[in-house]
Amino acid sequence: MIRLIDVYKEYDNGTKALKGVSLRIDDGEFVFLVGPSGSGKSTIIKLITAEIALTDGRLMVNGYNLNNITPRQVPYMRRTLGIIFQDFRLIEKKTVYENLSFAMRAVGASNRELRRRIPYVLQLVGLEQKADRYPGQLSGGEQQRVAIARALVNNPSMIIADEPTGNLDPQRSLEIMMLLERINELGTTVLVVTHEKALVNRFDKRVVAIENGRIISDRTGGYYNGEKI
């Protein structure tokens, strides 16, 4: 569960990125976080992942209180999260299987766990036949599927997808979003950060809209950007 309570964030340069944001995401939810560039979306993600600290308010992430979390606890908190980036961030000189095994070994997984988990996750994202390929041998959509598999491989309770379709064409974007929907149906909480109005409007999900550091709407089944809010 994610909970922001009256959260403020002011950067050192004086930019007031968040101005009293309160937001609760329960286990098992699928949520779109939408808004224009500079609205505060990225700041919320950086706070949730403990990349930055809040200025005021309260923040809870999967049982961790980020107001007083210690540096030693941060890696354990981050293991409850799987992060998917717009630019994939795959290791080019490693195969698909090796990219996933690298992520698992980073948290101390055994060879037995690798052999059990990686084939399952690759099958889930539809890449079971491409475990030995390198990222450069894959399409953009396939690379994003590898990135999703990497986010899933350590069995996080929540996936955060930060503009996951920004580098993809509309058809591949729709396929990626449908895959995230399926992952959510299997029990993983999903938070998708995006500014793609048309894509959001294809799905009947909760849509949280933020603008100028404040949440301006929070609806399930509503349409982004005033079409049906």
C-alpha atoms as a PDB file:
ATOM      1  CA  MET A   1       0.000   0.000   0.000  1.00  0.00           C
ATOM      2  CA  ILE A   2       1.151   3.524  -0.822  1.00  0.00           C
ATOM      3  CA  ARG A   3      -0.058   6.431   1.254  1.00  0.00           C
ATOM      4  CA  LEU A   4       0.848  10.103   0.884  1.00  0.00           C
ATOM      5  CA  ILE A   5      -0.678  12.379   3.511  1.00  0.00           C
ATOM      6  CA  ASP A   6      -0.508  16.139   2.895  1.00  0.00           C
ATOM      7  CA  VAL A   7       2.883  15.799   1.193  1.00  0.00           C
ATOM      8  CA  TYR A   8       4.933  18.834   0.219  1.00  0.00           C
ATOM      9  CA  LYS A   9       8.174  18.858  -1.737  1.00  0.00           C
ATOM     10  CA  GLU A  10      10.299  21.936  -2.311  1.00  0.00           C
ATOM     11  CA  TYR A  11      13.614  21.530  -4.097  1.00  0.00           C
ATOM     12  CA  ASP A  12      16.782  23.364  -3.138  1.00  0.00           C
ATOM     13  CA  ASN A  13      16.309  25.791  -6.028  1.00  0.00           C
ATOM     14  CA  GLY A  14      12.984  26.902  -4.554  1.00  0.00           C
ATOM     15  CA  THR A  15      10.726  24.930  -6.910  1.00  0.00           C
ATOM     16  CA  LYS A  16       7.582  23.839  -5.081  1.00  0.00           C
ATOM     17  CA  ALA A  17       6.886  20.527  -6.836  1.00  0.00           C
ATOM     18  CA  LEU A  18       4.152  19.178  -4.534  1.00  0.00           C
ATOM     19  CA  LYS A  19       1.718  21.315  -2.571  1.00  0.00           C
ATOM     20  CA  GLY A  20      -0.207  19.181  -0.102  1.00  0.00           C
ATOM     21  CA  VAL A  21      -0.730  15.938  -2.021  1.00  0.00           C
ATOM     22  CA  SER A  22      -2.763  13.173  -0.368  1.00  0.00           C
ATOM     23  CA  LEU A  23      -3.044   9.868  -2.203  1.00  0.00           C
ATOM     24  CA  ARG A  24      -3.760   6.277  -1.207  1.00  0.00           C
ATOM     25  CA  ILE A  25      -3.126   3.262  -3.452  1.00  0.00           C
ATOM     26  CA  ASP A  26      -4.308  -0.022  -1.964  1.00  0.00           C
ATOM     27  CA  ASP A  27      -2.868  -3.458  -2.633  1.00  0.00           C
ATOM     28  CA  GLY A  28      -4.145  -4.900  -5.917  1.00  0.00           C
ATOM     29  CA  GLU A  29      -5.152  -1.603  -7.513  1.00  0.00           C
ATOM     30  CA  PHE A  30      -4.321  -0.415 -11.044  1.00  0.00           C
ATOM     31  CA  VAL A  31      -3.835   3.358 -11.091  1.00  0.00           C
ATOM     32  CA  PHE A  32      -2.902   5.839 -13.805  1.00  0.00           C
ATOM     33  CA  LEU A  33      -1.088   8.955 -12.580  1.00  0.00           C
ATOM     34  CA  VAL A  34      -1.482  11.578 -15.292  1.00  0.00           C
ATOM     35  CA  GLY A  35      -0.620  15.192 -15.870  1.00  0.00           C
ATOM     36  CA  PRO A  36       1.464  17.515 -18.043  1.00  0.00           C
ATOM     37  CA  SER A  37       5.240  17.848 -17.825  1.00  0.00           C
ATOM     38  CA  GLY A  38       6.253  19.582 -14.612  1.00  0.00           C
ATOM     39  CA  SER A  39       3.009  18.718 -12.833  1.00  0.00           C
ATOM     40  CA  GLY A  40       4.679  16.671 -10.065  1.00  0.00           C
ATOM     41  CA  LYS A  41       4.371  13.105 -11.397  1.00  0.00           C
ATOM     42  CA  SER A  42       8.098  12.394 -11.388  1.00  0.00           C
ATOM     43  CA  THR A  43       8.488  13.909  -7.929  1.00  0.00           C
ATOM     44  CA  ILE A  44       5.888  11.499  -6.547  1.00  0.00           C
ATOM     45  CA  ILE A  45       7.773   8.525  -8.047  1.00  0.00           C
ATOM     46  CA  LYS A  46      11.100   9.759  -6.690  1.00  0.00           C
ATOM     47  CA  LEU A  47       9.539  10.097  -3.228  1.00  0.00           C
ATOM     48  CA  ILE A  48       7.992   6.616  -3.343  1.00  0.00           C
ATOM     49  CA  THR A  49      11.326   5.062  -4.356  1.00  0.00           C
ATOM     50  CA  ALA A  50      13.212   7.084  -1.704  1.00  0.00           C
ATOM     51  CA  GLU A  51      15.356   8.763  -4.335  1.00  0.00           C
ATOM     52  CA  ILE A  52      14.498  12.068  -2.679  1.00  0.00           C
ATOM     53  CA  ALA A  53      13.007  13.018   0.695  1.00  0.00           C
ATOM     54  CA  LEU A  54       9.785  14.919   1.261  1.00  0.00           C
ATOM     55  CA  THR A  55       9.753  18.418   2.724  1.00  0.00           C
ATOM     56  CA  ASP A  56       6.629  17.972   4.831  1.00  0.00           C
ATOM     57  CA  GLY A  57       3.795  15.500   5.323  1.00  0.00           C
ATOM     58  CA  ARG A  58       3.785  11.711   5.702  1.00  0.00           C
ATOM     59  CA  LEU A  59       4.641   8.898   3.302  1.00  0.00           C
ATOM     60  CA  MET A  60       4.164   5.137   3.746  1.00  0.00           C
ATOM     61  CA  VAL A  61       5.333   2.564   1.171  1.00  0.00           C
ATOM     62  CA  ASN A  62       4.467  -1.118   1.611  1.00  0.00           C
ATOM     63  CA  GLY A  63       4.792  -1.019   5.369  1.00  0.00           C
ATOM     64  CA  TYR A  64       7.806   1.319   5.502  1.00  0.00           C
ATOM     65  CA  ASN A  65       7.523   4.790   6.982  1.00  0.00           C
ATOM     66  CA  LEU A  66       9.648   6.930   4.672  1.00  0.00           C
ATOM     67  CA  ASN A  67       9.647   9.824   7.142  1.00  0.00           C
ATOM     68  CA  ASN A  68      12.110   7.962   9.343  1.00  0.00           C
ATOM     69  CA  ILE A  69      13.442   5.155   7.132  1.00  0.00           C
ATOM     70  CA  THR A  70      17.162   4.443   7.641  1.00  0.00           C
ATOM     71  CA  PRO A  71      19.650   4.146   4.759  1.00  0.00           C
ATOM     72  CA  ARG A  72      20.028   0.477   5.668  1.00  0.00           C
ATOM     73  CA  GLN A  73      16.288  -0.128   5.221  1.00  0.00           C
ATOM     74  CA  VAL A  74      15.992   1.586   1.821  1.00  0.00           C
ATOM     75  CA  PRO A  75      17.219  -1.396  -0.285  1.00  0.00           C
ATOM     76  CA  TYR A  76      14.704  -3.681   1.443  1.00  0.00           C
ATOM     77  CA  MET A  77      11.890  -1.220   0.803  1.00  0.00           C
ATOM     78  CA  ARG A  78      12.897  -0.948  -2.859  1.00  0.00           C
ATOM     79  CA  ARG A  79      12.702  -4.730  -3.223  1.00  0.00           C
ATOM     80  CA  THR A  80       8.944  -4.447  -2.725  1.00  0.00           C
ATOM     81  CA  LEU A  81       8.840  -2.309  -5.891  1.00  0.00           C
ATOM     82  CA  GLY A  82       9.491  -3.182  -9.519  1.00  0.00           C
ATOM     83  CA  ILE A  83      10.372  -0.143 -11.651  1.00  0.00           C
ATOM     84  CA  ILE A  84       9.860   0.080 -15.422  1.00  0.00           C
ATOM     85  CA  PHE A  85      11.483   2.973 -17.271  1.00  0.00           C
ATOM     86  CA  GLN A  86      10.751   4.610 -20.613  1.00  0.00           C
ATOM     87  CA  ASP A  87      14.278   3.957 -21.913  1.00  0.00           C
ATOM     88  CA  PHE A  88      14.330   0.250 -20.910  1.00  0.00           C
ATOM     89  CA  ARG A  89      17.798   0.443 -19.214  1.00  0.00           C
ATOM     90  CA  LEU A  90      18.824  -3.060 -20.252  1.00  0.00           C
ATOM     91  CA  ILE A  91      22.438  -4.231 -20.206  1.00  0.00           C
ATOM     92  CA  GLU A  92      23.300  -4.454 -23.894  1.00  0.00           C
ATOM     93  CA  LYS A  93      26.101  -7.021 -23.500  1.00  0.00           C
ATOM     94  CA  LYS A  94      23.919  -9.449 -21.562  1.00  0.00           C
ATOM     95  CA  THR A  95      21.223 -11.727 -22.973  1.00  0.00           C
ATOM     96  CA  VAL A  96      17.602 -11.490 -21.909  1.00  0.00           C
ATOM     97  CA  TYR A  97      18.152 -14.336 -19.436  1.00  0.00           C
ATOM     98  CA  GLU A  98      21.343 -12.712 -18.115  1.00  0.00           C
ATOM     99  CA  ASN A  99      19.601  -9.345 -17.631  1.00  0.00           C
ATOM    100  CA  LEU A 100      17.002 -11.051 -15.452  1.00  0.00           C
ATOM    101  CA  SER A 101      19.507 -13.199 -13.576  1.00  0.00           C
ATOM    102  CA  PHE A 102      21.592 -10.085 -12.866  1.00  0.00           C
ATOM    103  CA  ALA A 103      18.557  -8.480 -11.183  1.00  0.00           C
ATOM    104  CA  MET A 104      17.912 -11.623  -9.123  1.00  0.00           C
ATOM    105  CA  ARG A 105      21.528 -12.096  -8.050  1.00  0.00           C
ATOM    106  CA  ALA A 106      21.580  -8.479  -6.875  1.00  0.00           C
ATOM    107  CA  VAL A 107      19.155  -9.482  -4.102  1.00  0.00           C
ATOM    108  CA  GLY A 108      20.924 -12.749  -3.292  1.00  0.00           C
ATOM    109  CA  ALA A 109      18.772 -15.233  -5.218  1.00  0.00           C
ATOM    110  CA  SER A 110      20.106 -18.788  -5.588  1.00  0.00           C
ATOM    111  CA  ASN A 111      20.706 -20.616  -8.875  1.00  0.00           C
ATOM    112  CA  ARG A 112      17.684 -22.759  -8.093  1.00  0.00           C
ATOM    113  CA  GLU A 113      15.507 -19.678  -7.706  1.00  0.00           C
ATOM    114  CA  LEU A 114      16.828 -18.321 -11.020  1.00  0.00           C
ATOM    115  CA  ARG A 115      15.973 -21.545 -12.857  1.00  0.00           C
ATOM    116  CA  ARG A 116      12.465 -21.530 -11.399  1.00  0.00           C
ATOM    117  CA  ARG A 117      11.533 -17.864 -11.645  1.00  0.00           C
ATOM    118  CA  ILE A 118      13.062 -16.603 -14.899  1.00  0.00           C
ATOM    119  CA  PRO A 119      11.299 -19.036 -17.296  1.00  0.00           C
ATOM    120  CA  TYR A 120       7.971 -18.288 -15.593  1.00  0.00           C
ATOM    121  CA  VAL A 121       8.372 -14.523 -15.953  1.00  0.00           C
ATOM    122  CA  LEU A 122       9.561 -14.767 -19.571  1.00  0.00           C
ATOM    123  CA  GLN A 123       6.514 -16.863 -20.398  1.00  0.00           C
ATOM    124  CA  LEU A 124       4.293 -14.289 -18.696  1.00  0.00           C
ATOM    125  CA  VAL A 125       5.618 -11.501 -20.944  1.00  0.00           C
ATOM    126  CA  GLY A 126       5.634 -13.695 -24.067  1.00  0.00           C
ATOM    127  CA  LEU A 127       9.411 -13.937 -24.531  1.00  0.00           C
ATOM    128  CA  GLU A 128      10.095 -17.540 -23.522  1.00  0.00           C
ATOM    129  CA  GLN A 129      11.631 -18.182 -26.967  1.00  0.00           C
ATOM    130  CA  LYS A 130      14.037 -15.238 -26.765  1.00  0.00           C
ATOM    131  CA  ALA A 131      15.935 -15.855 -23.543  1.00  0.00           C
ATOM    132  CA  ASP A 132      19.257 -16.101 -25.416  1.00  0.00           C
ATOM    133  CA  ARG A 133      18.806 -12.938 -27.490  1.00  0.00           C
ATOM    134  CA  TYR A 134      20.611  -9.681 -26.776  1.00  0.00           C
ATOM    135  CA  PRO A 135      18.649  -6.411 -26.412  1.00  0.00           C
ATOM    136  CA  GLY A 136      19.963  -5.159 -29.750  1.00  0.00           C
ATOM    137  CA  GLN A 137      18.344  -8.154 -31.446  1.00  0.00           C
ATOM    138  CA  LEU A 138      14.890  -7.248 -30.133  1.00  0.00           C
ATOM    139  CA  SER A 139      12.273  -4.715 -31.201  1.00  0.00           C
ATOM    140  CA  GLY A 140      11.426  -1.778 -28.963  1.00  0.00           C
ATOM    141  CA  GLY A 141       8.269  -3.499 -27.753  1.00  0.00           C
ATOM    142  CA  GLU A 142      10.201  -6.670 -26.963  1.00  0.00           C
ATOM    143  CA  GLN A 143      12.840  -4.700 -25.056  1.00  0.00           C
ATOM    144  CA  GLN A 144      10.111  -3.110 -22.964  1.00  0.00           C
ATOM    145  CA  ARG A 145       8.741  -6.592 -22.246  1.00  0.00           C
ATOM    146  CA  VAL A 146      12.193  -7.585 -20.999  1.00  0.00           C
ATOM    147  CA  ALA A 147      12.170  -4.501 -18.777  1.00  0.00           C
ATOM    148  CA  ILE A 148       8.775  -5.566 -17.414  1.00  0.00           C
ATOM    149  CA  ALA A 149      10.086  -9.092 -16.821  1.00  0.00           C
ATOM    150  CA  ARG A 150      13.080  -7.660 -14.966  1.00  0.00           C
ATOM    151  CA  ALA A 151      10.752  -5.576 -12.782  1.00  0.00           C
ATOM    152  CA  LEU A 152       8.706  -8.704 -11.999  1.00  0.00           C
ATOM    153  CA  VAL A 153      11.487 -11.202 -11.508  1.00  0.00           C
ATOM    154  CA  ASN A 154      11.982 -10.550  -7.785  1.00  0.00           C
ATOM    155  CA  ASN A 155       8.229 -10.814  -7.170  1.00  0.00           C
ATOM    156  CA  PRO A 156       7.545  -7.249  -5.986  1.00  0.00           C
ATOM    157  CA  SER A 157       4.191  -6.342  -4.475  1.00  0.00           C
ATOM    158  CA  MET A 158       3.963  -3.269  -6.709  1.00  0.00           C
ATOM    159  CA  ILE A 159       5.034  -2.295 -10.234  1.00  0.00           C
ATOM    160  CA  ILE A 160       5.724   1.362 -11.013  1.00  0.00           C
ATOM    161  CA  ALA A 161       5.827   2.054 -14.756  1.00  0.00           C
ATOM    162  CA  ASP A 162       7.265   5.507 -15.481  1.00  0.00           C
ATOM    163  CA  GLU A 163       6.170   6.525 -19.005  1.00  0.00           C
ATOM    164  CA  PRO A 164       6.559   2.880 -20.140  1.00  0.00           C
ATOM    165  CA  THR A 165       5.235   3.505 -23.651  1.00  0.00           C
ATOM    166  CA  GLY A 166       7.003   6.775 -24.414  1.00  0.00           C
ATOM    167  CA  ASN A 167       9.314   5.210 -27.011  1.00  0.00           C
ATOM    168  CA  LEU A 168       6.752   2.889 -28.623  1.00  0.00           C
ATOM    169  CA  ASP A 169       4.233   3.192 -31.442  1.00  0.00           C
ATOM    170  CA  PRO A 170       0.505   3.119 -30.584  1.00  0.00           C
ATOM    171  CA  GLN A 171       0.025  -0.603 -31.227  1.00  0.00           C
ATOM    172  CA  ARG A 172       3.038  -1.632 -29.134  1.00  0.00           C
ATOM    173  CA  SER A 173       1.931   0.832 -26.446  1.00  0.00           C
ATOM    174  CA  LEU A 174      -1.478  -0.808 -26.250  1.00  0.00           C
ATOM    175  CA  GLU A 175       0.118  -4.268 -26.027  1.00  0.00           C
ATOM    176  CA  ILE A 176       2.366  -3.165 -23.150  1.00  0.00           C
ATOM    177  CA  MET A 177      -0.583  -1.661 -21.268  1.00  0.00           C
ATOM    178  CA  MET A 178      -2.614  -4.840 -21.749  1.00  0.00           C
ATOM    179  CA  LEU A 179       0.313  -6.836 -20.366  1.00  0.00           C
ATOM    180  CA  LEU A 180       0.433  -4.588 -17.291  1.00  0.00           C
ATOM    181  CA  GLU A 181      -3.318  -5.086 -16.902  1.00  0.00           C
ATOM    182  CA  ARG A 182      -2.818  -8.856 -16.936  1.00  0.00           C
ATOM    183  CA  ILE A 183      -0.031  -8.590 -14.359  1.00  0.00           C
ATOM    184  CA  ASN A 184      -2.404  -6.598 -12.172  1.00  0.00           C
ATOM    185  CA  GLU A 185      -5.082  -9.272 -12.559  1.00  0.00           C
ATOM    186  CA  LEU A 186      -2.561 -11.794 -11.206  1.00  0.00           C
ATOM    187  CA  GLY A 187      -2.377  -9.768  -7.977  1.00  0.00           C
ATOM    188  CA  THR A 188       0.392  -7.181  -8.408  1.00  0.00           C
ATOM    189  CA  THR A 189      -0.409  -3.529  -7.698  1.00  0.00           C
ATOM    190  CA  VAL A 190       0.321  -1.364 -10.760  1.00  0.00           C
ATOM    191  CA  LEU A 191       0.966   2.385 -10.918  1.00  0.00           C
ATOM    192  CA  VAL A 192       1.422   3.769 -14.434  1.00  0.00           C
ATOM    193  CA  VAL A 193       2.759   7.300 -14.846  1.00  0.00           C
ATOM    194  CA  THR A 194       1.917   8.734 -18.251  1.00  0.00           C
ATOM    195  CA  HIS A 195       0.809  11.789 -20.195  1.00  0.00           C
ATOM    196  CA  GLU A 196      -0.746   9.757 -23.038  1.00  0.00           C
ATOM    197  CA  LYS A 197      -4.404  10.692 -22.789  1.00  0.00           C
ATOM    198  CA  ALA A 198      -5.616   8.444 -25.616  1.00  0.00           C
ATOM    199  CA  LEU A 199      -3.996   5.367 -24.099  1.00  0.00           C
ATOM    200  CA  VAL A 200      -5.414   6.035 -20.633  1.00  0.00           C
ATOM    201  CA  ASN A 201      -8.861   6.433 -22.125  1.00  0.00           C
ATOM    202  CA  ARG A 202      -8.737   2.888 -23.567  1.00  0.00           C
ATOM    203  CA  PHE A 203      -8.857   1.404 -20.072  1.00  0.00           C
ATOM    204  CA  ASP A 204     -11.536   1.594 -17.404  1.00  0.00           C
ATOM    205  CA  LYS A 205      -9.145   2.237 -14.521  1.00  0.00           C
ATOM    206  CA  ARG A 206      -8.644   4.675 -11.685  1.00  0.00           C
ATOM    207  CA  VAL A 207      -7.141   7.898 -13.017  1.00  0.00           C
ATOM    208  CA  VAL A 208      -5.404  10.348 -10.687  1.00  0.00           C
ATOM    209  CA  ALA A 209      -4.690  13.682 -12.386  1.00  0.00           C
ATOM    210  CA  ILE A 210      -2.109  16.098 -11.019  1.00  0.00           C
ATOM    211  CA  GLU A 211      -1.396  19.650 -12.102  1.00  0.00           C
ATOM    212  CA  ASN A 212       0.908  22.302 -10.635  1.00  0.00           C
ATOM    213  CA  GLY A 213       1.756  20.071  -7.685  1.00  0.00           C
ATOM    214  CA  ARG A 214      -1.841  19.390  -6.672  1.00  0.00           C
ATOM    215  CA  ILE A 215      -4.216  16.500  -7.385  1.00  0.00           C
ATOM    216  CA  ILE A 216      -7.103  17.938  -9.388  1.00  0.00           C
ATOM    217  CA  SER A 217      -9.154  14.758  -9.861  1.00  0.00           C
ATOM    218  CA  ASP A 218      -9.253  11.129  -8.750  1.00  0.00           C
ATOM    219  CA  ARG A 219     -11.828   8.996 -10.535  1.00  0.00           C
ATOM    220  CA  THR A 220     -12.331   5.378 -11.521  1.00  0.00           C
ATOM    221  CA  GLY A 221     -13.533   5.070 -15.082  1.00  0.00           C
ATOM    222  CA  GLY A 222     -13.174   8.786 -15.688  1.00  0.00           C
ATOM    223  CA  TYR A 223     -11.379  10.164 -18.712  1.00  0.00           C
ATOM    224  CA  TYR A 224      -8.224  12.162 -18.490  1.00  0.00           C
ATOM    225  CA  ASN A 225      -7.968  15.867 -19.383  1.00  0.00           C
ATOM    226  CA  GLY A 226     -11.557  16.900 -18.969  1.00  0.00           C
ATOM    227  CA  GLU A 227     -13.188  14.548 -21.463  1.00  0.00           C
ATOM    228  CA  LYS A 228     -15.230  12.767 -18.812  1.00  0.00           C
ATOM    229  CA  ILE A 229     -14.028  13.984 -15.409  1.00  0.00           C
END
